[in-house]
Amino acid sequence: MKKIVIIGSKNPSKVSAVKKAFNTVFPEEDFEFESVSIDSGVSRQPLTEKETEKGAMNRIEACKEAFPK
């Protein structure tokens, strides 16, 4: 059974990186990837590591809300 991975971005580079990471770390698993446009809640080009992390965490929470288990 495929496991669904929600990617909180439509950015092709981010989507590709997530797919590569999951397939590398879990080579025996079968995944279905779905990318969705989610607002990060930070500036378009974060200037600090803290802002980058906040944007990523915001996307995670928004994805959880949009796609509950």
PDB file of N, CA and C in Angstrom:
ATOM      1  N   MET A   1       0.839  -1.183   0.000  1.00  0.00           N
ATOM      2  CA  MET A   1       0.000   0.000   0.000  1.00  0.00           C
ATOM      3  C   MET A   1       0.882   1.244   0.000  1.00  0.00           C
ATOM      4  N   LYS A   2       0.582   2.162  -0.879  1.00  0.00           N
ATOM      5  CA  LYS A   2       1.357   3.393  -0.971  1.00  0.00           C
ATOM      6  C   LYS A   2       1.085   4.290   0.233  1.00  0.00           C
ATOM      7  N   LYS A   3       2.138   4.932   0.681  1.00  0.00           N
ATOM      8  CA  LYS A   3       2.007   5.933   1.728  1.00  0.00           C
ATOM      9  C   LYS A   3       1.974   7.292   1.049  1.00  0.00           C
ATOM     10  N   ILE A   4       1.079   8.147   1.486  1.00  0.00           N
ATOM     11  CA  ILE A   4       0.933   9.461   0.879  1.00  0.00           C
ATOM     12  C   ILE A   4       1.794  10.462   1.631  1.00  0.00           C
ATOM     13  N   VAL A   5       2.565  11.234   0.880  1.00  0.00           N
ATOM     14  CA  VAL A   5       3.405  12.290   1.434  1.00  0.00           C
ATOM     15  C   VAL A   5       2.888  13.605   0.873  1.00  0.00           C
ATOM     16  N   ILE A   6       2.474  14.499   1.757  1.00  0.00           N
ATOM     17  CA  ILE A   6       2.005  15.817   1.350  1.00  0.00           C
ATOM     18  C   ILE A   6       3.193  16.773   1.410  1.00  0.00           C
ATOM     19  N   ILE A   7       3.449  17.455   0.319  1.00  0.00           N
ATOM     20  CA  ILE A   7       4.537  18.427   0.239  1.00  0.00           C
ATOM     21  C   ILE A   7       3.900  19.818   0.211  1.00  0.00           C
ATOM     22  N   GLY A   8       4.234  20.642   1.190  1.00  0.00           N
ATOM     23  CA  GLY A   8       3.616  21.957   1.338  1.00  0.00           C
ATOM     24  C   GLY A   8       4.214  23.014   0.445  1.00  0.00           C
ATOM     25  N   SER A   9       4.475  22.660  -0.793  1.00  0.00           N
ATOM     26  CA  SER A   9       5.034  23.608  -1.762  1.00  0.00           C
ATOM     27  C   SER A   9       4.854  23.039  -3.165  1.00  0.00           C
ATOM     28  N   LYS A  10       4.698  23.939  -4.112  1.00  0.00           N
ATOM     29  CA  LYS A  10       4.653  23.551  -5.525  1.00  0.00           C
ATOM     30  C   LYS A  10       5.999  23.823  -6.196  1.00  0.00           C
ATOM     31  N   ASN A  11       6.953  24.346  -5.431  1.00  0.00           N
ATOM     32  CA  ASN A  11       8.275  24.673  -5.966  1.00  0.00           C
ATOM     33  C   ASN A  11       8.938  23.382  -6.464  1.00  0.00           C
ATOM     34  N   PRO A  12       9.258  23.296  -7.759  1.00  0.00           N
ATOM     35  CA  PRO A  12       9.820  22.063  -8.316  1.00  0.00           C
ATOM     36  C   PRO A  12      11.100  21.587  -7.609  1.00  0.00           C
ATOM     37  N   SER A  13      11.930  22.507  -7.188  1.00  0.00           N
ATOM     38  CA  SER A  13      13.165  22.121  -6.487  1.00  0.00           C
ATOM     39  C   SER A  13      12.857  21.477  -5.145  1.00  0.00           C
ATOM     40  N   LYS A  14      11.893  22.047  -4.421  1.00  0.00           N
ATOM     41  CA  LYS A  14      11.512  21.494  -3.113  1.00  0.00           C
ATOM     42  C   LYS A  14      10.838  20.134  -3.283  1.00  0.00           C
ATOM     43  N   VAL A  15       9.952  20.041  -4.257  1.00  0.00           N
ATOM     44  CA  VAL A  15       9.253  18.776  -4.506  1.00  0.00           C
ATOM     45  C   VAL A  15      10.267  17.686  -4.860  1.00  0.00           C
ATOM     46  N   SER A  16      11.193  17.997  -5.732  1.00  0.00           N
ATOM     47  CA  SER A  16      12.214  17.038  -6.136  1.00  0.00           C
ATOM     48  C   SER A  16      13.075  16.604  -4.948  1.00  0.00           C
ATOM     49  N   ALA A  17      13.447  17.560  -4.111  1.00  0.00           N
ATOM     50  CA  ALA A  17      14.279  17.241  -2.946  1.00  0.00           C
ATOM     51  C   ALA A  17      13.551  16.315  -1.974  1.00  0.00           C
ATOM     52  N   VAL A  18      12.268  16.573  -1.752  1.00  0.00           N
ATOM     53  CA  VAL A  18      11.483  15.723  -0.834  1.00  0.00           C
ATOM     54  C   VAL A  18      11.363  14.310  -1.403  1.00  0.00           C
ATOM     55  N   LYS A  19      11.057  14.210  -2.680  1.00  0.00           N
ATOM     56  CA  LYS A  19      10.933  12.881  -3.297  1.00  0.00           C
ATOM     57  C   LYS A  19      12.252  12.117  -3.207  1.00  0.00           C
ATOM     58  N   LYS A  20      13.333  12.787  -3.521  1.00  0.00           N
ATOM     59  CA  LYS A  20      14.646  12.140  -3.478  1.00  0.00           C
ATOM     60  C   LYS A  20      14.981  11.692  -2.058  1.00  0.00           C
ATOM     61  N   ALA A  21      14.711  12.543  -1.082  1.00  0.00           N
ATOM     62  CA  ALA A  21      15.012  12.208   0.306  1.00  0.00           C
ATOM     63  C   ALA A  21      14.213  10.989   0.772  1.00  0.00           C
ATOM     64  N   PHE A  22      12.919  10.987   0.523  1.00  0.00           N
ATOM     65  CA  PHE A  22      12.087   9.860   0.962  1.00  0.00           C
ATOM     66  C   PHE A  22      12.509   8.567   0.269  1.00  0.00           C
ATOM     67  N   ASN A  23      12.751   8.626  -1.038  1.00  0.00           N
ATOM     68  CA  ASN A  23      13.126   7.417  -1.769  1.00  0.00           C
ATOM     69  C   ASN A  23      14.526   6.922  -1.406  1.00  0.00           C
ATOM     70  N   THR A  24      15.386   7.821  -0.957  1.00  0.00           N
ATOM     71  CA  THR A  24      16.726   7.424  -0.527  1.00  0.00           C
ATOM     72  C   THR A  24      16.701   6.810   0.866  1.00  0.00           C
ATOM     73  N   VAL A  25      15.977   7.455   1.773  1.00  0.00           N
ATOM     74  CA  VAL A  25      15.935   6.997   3.166  1.00  0.00           C
ATOM     75  C   VAL A  25      15.067   5.752   3.324  1.00  0.00           C
ATOM     76  N   PHE A  26      14.016   5.648   2.526  1.00  0.00           N
ATOM     77  CA  PHE A  26      13.075   4.518   2.624  1.00  0.00           C
ATOM     78  C   PHE A  26      12.973   3.796   1.276  1.00  0.00           C
ATOM     79  N   PRO A  27      14.045   3.151   0.820  1.00  0.00           N
ATOM     80  CA  PRO A  27      14.045   2.557  -0.534  1.00  0.00           C
ATOM     81  C   PRO A  27      13.036   1.429  -0.726  1.00  0.00           C
ATOM     82  N   GLU A  28      12.624   0.789   0.336  1.00  0.00           N
ATOM     83  CA  GLU A  28      11.689  -0.343   0.222  1.00  0.00           C
ATOM     84  C   GLU A  28      10.232   0.092   0.266  1.00  0.00           C
ATOM     85  N   GLU A  29       9.982   1.352   0.567  1.00  0.00           N
ATOM     86  CA  GLU A  29       8.614   1.858   0.689  1.00  0.00           C
ATOM     87  C   GLU A  29       8.106   2.388  -0.644  1.00  0.00           C
ATOM     88  N   ASP A  30       6.794   2.380  -0.788  1.00  0.00           N
ATOM     89  CA  ASP A  30       6.147   2.895  -1.990  1.00  0.00           C
ATOM     90  C   ASP A  30       5.363   4.147  -1.603  1.00  0.00           C
ATOM     91  N   PHE A  31       5.716   5.293  -2.183  1.00  0.00           N
ATOM     92  CA  PHE A  31       5.104   6.560  -1.820  1.00  0.00           C
ATOM     93  C   PHE A  31       4.322   7.163  -2.967  1.00  0.00           C
ATOM     94  N   GLU A  32       3.289   7.902  -2.597  1.00  0.00           N
ATOM     95  CA  GLU A  32       2.569   8.760  -3.528  1.00  0.00           C
ATOM     96  C   GLU A  32       2.777  10.173  -3.005  1.00  0.00           C
ATOM     97  N   PHE A  33       3.277  11.053  -3.844  1.00  0.00           N
ATOM     98  CA  PHE A  33       3.587  12.417  -3.436  1.00  0.00           C
ATOM     99  C   PHE A  33       2.535  13.361  -3.983  1.00  0.00           C
ATOM    100  N   GLU A  34       2.070  14.264  -3.129  1.00  0.00           N
ATOM    101  CA  GLU A  34       1.116  15.281  -3.550  1.00  0.00           C
ATOM    102  C   GLU A  34       1.645  16.633  -3.085  1.00  0.00           C
ATOM    103  N   SER A  35       1.852  17.529  -4.036  1.00  0.00           N
ATOM    104  CA  SER A  35       2.336  18.864  -3.674  1.00  0.00           C
ATOM    105  C   SER A  35       1.162  19.839  -3.696  1.00  0.00           C
ATOM    106  N   VAL A  36       1.120  20.691  -2.683  1.00  0.00           N
ATOM    107  CA  VAL A  36       0.046  21.673  -2.563  1.00  0.00           C
ATOM    108  C   VAL A  36       0.654  23.033  -2.245  1.00  0.00           C
ATOM    109  N   SER A  37      -0.011  24.058  -2.690  1.00  0.00           N
ATOM    110  CA  SER A  37       0.453  25.417  -2.429  1.00  0.00           C
ATOM    111  C   SER A  37      -0.031  25.835  -1.043  1.00  0.00           C
ATOM    112  N   ILE A  38       0.905  26.031  -0.142  1.00  0.00           N
ATOM    113  CA  ILE A  38       0.609  26.423   1.238  1.00  0.00           C
ATOM    114  C   ILE A  38       1.427  27.669   1.556  1.00  0.00           C
ATOM    115  N   ASP A  39       0.777  28.682   2.121  1.00  0.00           N
ATOM    116  CA  ASP A  39       1.484  29.901   2.495  1.00  0.00           C
ATOM    117  C   ASP A  39       2.379  29.622   3.702  1.00  0.00           C
ATOM    118  N   SER A  40       3.624  30.071   3.624  1.00  0.00           N
ATOM    119  CA  SER A  40       4.574  29.847   4.716  1.00  0.00           C
ATOM    120  C   SER A  40       4.401  30.842   5.850  1.00  0.00           C
ATOM    121  N   GLY A  41       3.753  31.968   5.576  1.00  0.00           N
ATOM    122  CA  GLY A  41       3.561  32.969   6.606  1.00  0.00           C
ATOM    123  C   GLY A  41       4.797  33.819   6.886  1.00  0.00           C
ATOM    124  N   VAL A  42       5.819  33.664   6.053  1.00  0.00           N
ATOM    125  CA  VAL A  42       7.036  34.480   6.180  1.00  0.00           C
ATOM    126  C   VAL A  42       7.307  35.132   4.828  1.00  0.00           C
ATOM    127  N   SER A  43       8.335  35.972   4.775  1.00  0.00           N
ATOM    128  CA  SER A  43       8.637  36.649   3.512  1.00  0.00           C
ATOM    129  C   SER A  43       8.989  35.645   2.422  1.00  0.00           C
ATOM    130  N   ARG A  44       8.801  36.059   1.197  1.00  0.00           N
ATOM    131  CA  ARG A  44       9.039  35.174   0.038  1.00  0.00           C
ATOM    132  C   ARG A  44      10.474  34.661   0.008  1.00  0.00           C
ATOM    133  N   GLN A  45      11.424  35.481   0.392  1.00  0.00           N
ATOM    134  CA  GLN A  45      12.829  35.094   0.490  1.00  0.00           C
ATOM    135  C   GLN A  45      13.287  35.296   1.940  1.00  0.00           C
ATOM    136  N   PRO A  46      13.140  34.281   2.783  1.00  0.00           N
ATOM    137  CA  PRO A  46      13.551  34.433   4.184  1.00  0.00           C
ATOM    138  C   PRO A  46      15.029  34.833   4.271  1.00  0.00           C
ATOM    139  N   LEU A  47      15.323  35.739   5.187  1.00  0.00           N
ATOM    140  CA  LEU A  47      16.679  36.258   5.299  1.00  0.00           C
ATOM    141  C   LEU A  47      17.494  35.583   6.397  1.00  0.00           C
ATOM    142  N   THR A  48      16.831  34.899   7.297  1.00  0.00           N
ATOM    143  CA  THR A  48      17.554  34.263   8.400  1.00  0.00           C
ATOM    144  C   THR A  48      17.164  32.794   8.502  1.00  0.00           C
ATOM    145  N   GLU A  49      17.991  32.049   9.182  1.00  0.00           N
ATOM    146  CA  GLU A  49      17.690  30.633   9.420  1.00  0.00           C
ATOM    147  C   GLU A  49      16.419  30.497  10.258  1.00  0.00           C
ATOM    148  N   LYS A  50      16.258  31.393  11.213  1.00  0.00           N
ATOM    149  CA  LYS A  50      15.078  31.362  12.082  1.00  0.00           C
ATOM    150  C   LYS A  50      13.797  31.563  11.267  1.00  0.00           C
ATOM    151  N   GLU A  51      13.832  32.526  10.336  1.00  0.00           N
ATOM    152  CA  GLU A  51      12.671  32.785   9.491  1.00  0.00           C
ATOM    153  C   GLU A  51      12.394  31.597   8.559  1.00  0.00           C
ATOM    154  N   THR A  52      13.454  31.000   8.037  1.00  0.00           N
ATOM    155  CA  THR A  52      13.307  29.818   7.181  1.00  0.00           C
ATOM    156  C   THR A  52      12.651  28.675   7.953  1.00  0.00           C
ATOM    157  N   GLU A  53      13.127  28.450   9.168  1.00  0.00           N
ATOM    158  CA  GLU A  53      12.556  27.378  10.012  1.00  0.00           C
ATOM    159  C   GLU A  53      11.097  27.674  10.348  1.00  0.00           C
ATOM    160  N   LYS A  54      10.789  28.923  10.673  1.00  0.00           N
ATOM    161  CA  LYS A  54       9.410  29.294  10.994  1.00  0.00           C
ATOM    162  C   LYS A  54       8.496  29.028   9.800  1.00  0.00           C
ATOM    163  N   GLY A  55       8.945  29.390   8.603  1.00  0.00           N
ATOM    164  CA  GLY A  55       8.153  29.145   7.404  1.00  0.00           C
ATOM    165  C   GLY A  55       7.901  27.661   7.179  1.00  0.00           C
ATOM    166  N   ALA A  56       8.929  26.849   7.393  1.00  0.00           N
ATOM    167  CA  ALA A  56       8.783  25.397   7.232  1.00  0.00           C
ATOM    168  C   ALA A  56       7.796  24.830   8.251  1.00  0.00           C
ATOM    169  N   MET A  57       7.913  25.275   9.487  1.00  0.00           N
ATOM    170  CA  MET A  57       7.003  24.788  10.528  1.00  0.00           C
ATOM    171  C   MET A  57       5.572  25.247  10.250  1.00  0.00           C
ATOM    172  N   ASN A  58       5.409  26.466   9.754  1.00  0.00           N
ATOM    173  CA  ASN A  58       4.072  26.952   9.392  1.00  0.00           C
ATOM    174  C   ASN A  58       3.459  26.090   8.296  1.00  0.00           C
ATOM    175  N   ARG A  59       4.262  25.720   7.317  1.00  0.00           N
ATOM    176  CA  ARG A  59       3.768  24.863   6.229  1.00  0.00           C
ATOM    177  C   ARG A  59       3.352  23.489   6.761  1.00  0.00           C
ATOM    178  N   ILE A  60       4.146  22.942   7.664  1.00  0.00           N
ATOM    179  CA  ILE A  60       3.812  21.635   8.252  1.00  0.00           C
ATOM    180  C   ILE A  60       2.461  21.704   8.953  1.00  0.00           C
ATOM    181  N   GLU A  61       2.274  22.713   9.786  1.00  0.00           N
ATOM    182  CA  GLU A  61       1.018  22.836  10.522  1.00  0.00           C
ATOM    183  C   GLU A  61      -0.160  23.044   9.573  1.00  0.00           C
ATOM    184  N   ALA A  62       0.030  23.856   8.536  1.00  0.00           N
ATOM    185  CA  ALA A  62      -1.042  24.095   7.565  1.00  0.00           C
ATOM    186  C   ALA A  62      -1.392  22.812   6.810  1.00  0.00           C
ATOM    187  N   CYS A  63      -0.397  22.016   6.473  1.00  0.00           N
ATOM    188  CA  CYS A  63      -0.646  20.733   5.801  1.00  0.00           C
ATOM    189  C   CYS A  63      -1.409  19.776   6.711  1.00  0.00           C
ATOM    190  N   LYS A  64      -1.027  19.748   7.982  1.00  0.00           N
ATOM    191  CA  LYS A  64      -1.743  18.881   8.938  1.00  0.00           C
ATOM    192  C   LYS A  64      -3.220  19.271   9.042  1.00  0.00           C
ATOM    193  N   GLU A  65      -3.485  20.587   9.038  1.00  0.00           N
ATOM    194  CA  GLU A  65      -4.854  21.051   9.121  1.00  0.00           C
ATOM    195  C   GLU A  65      -5.635  20.731   7.839  1.00  0.00           C
ATOM    196  N   ALA A  66      -4.978  20.904   6.689  1.00  0.00           N
ATOM    197  CA  ALA A  66      -5.640  20.674   5.406  1.00  0.00           C
ATOM    198  C   ALA A  66      -5.841  19.189   5.102  1.00  0.00           C
ATOM    199  N   PHE A  67      -4.953  18.341   5.642  1.00  0.00           N
ATOM    200  CA  PHE A  67      -4.991  16.903   5.368  1.00  0.00           C
ATOM    201  C   PHE A  67      -4.907  16.117   6.679  1.00  0.00           C
ATOM    202  N   PRO A  68      -5.960  16.177   7.499  1.00  0.00           N
ATOM    203  CA  PRO A  68      -5.914  15.420   8.768  1.00  0.00           C
ATOM    204  C   PRO A  68      -5.875  13.923   8.500  1.00  0.00           C
ATOM    205  N   LYS A  69      -5.334  13.192   9.435  1.00  0.00           N
ATOM    206  CA  LYS A  69      -5.225  11.729   9.283  1.00  0.00           C
ATOM    207  C   LYS A  69      -6.573  11.082   9.176  1.00  0.00           C
TER     208      LYS A  69
END
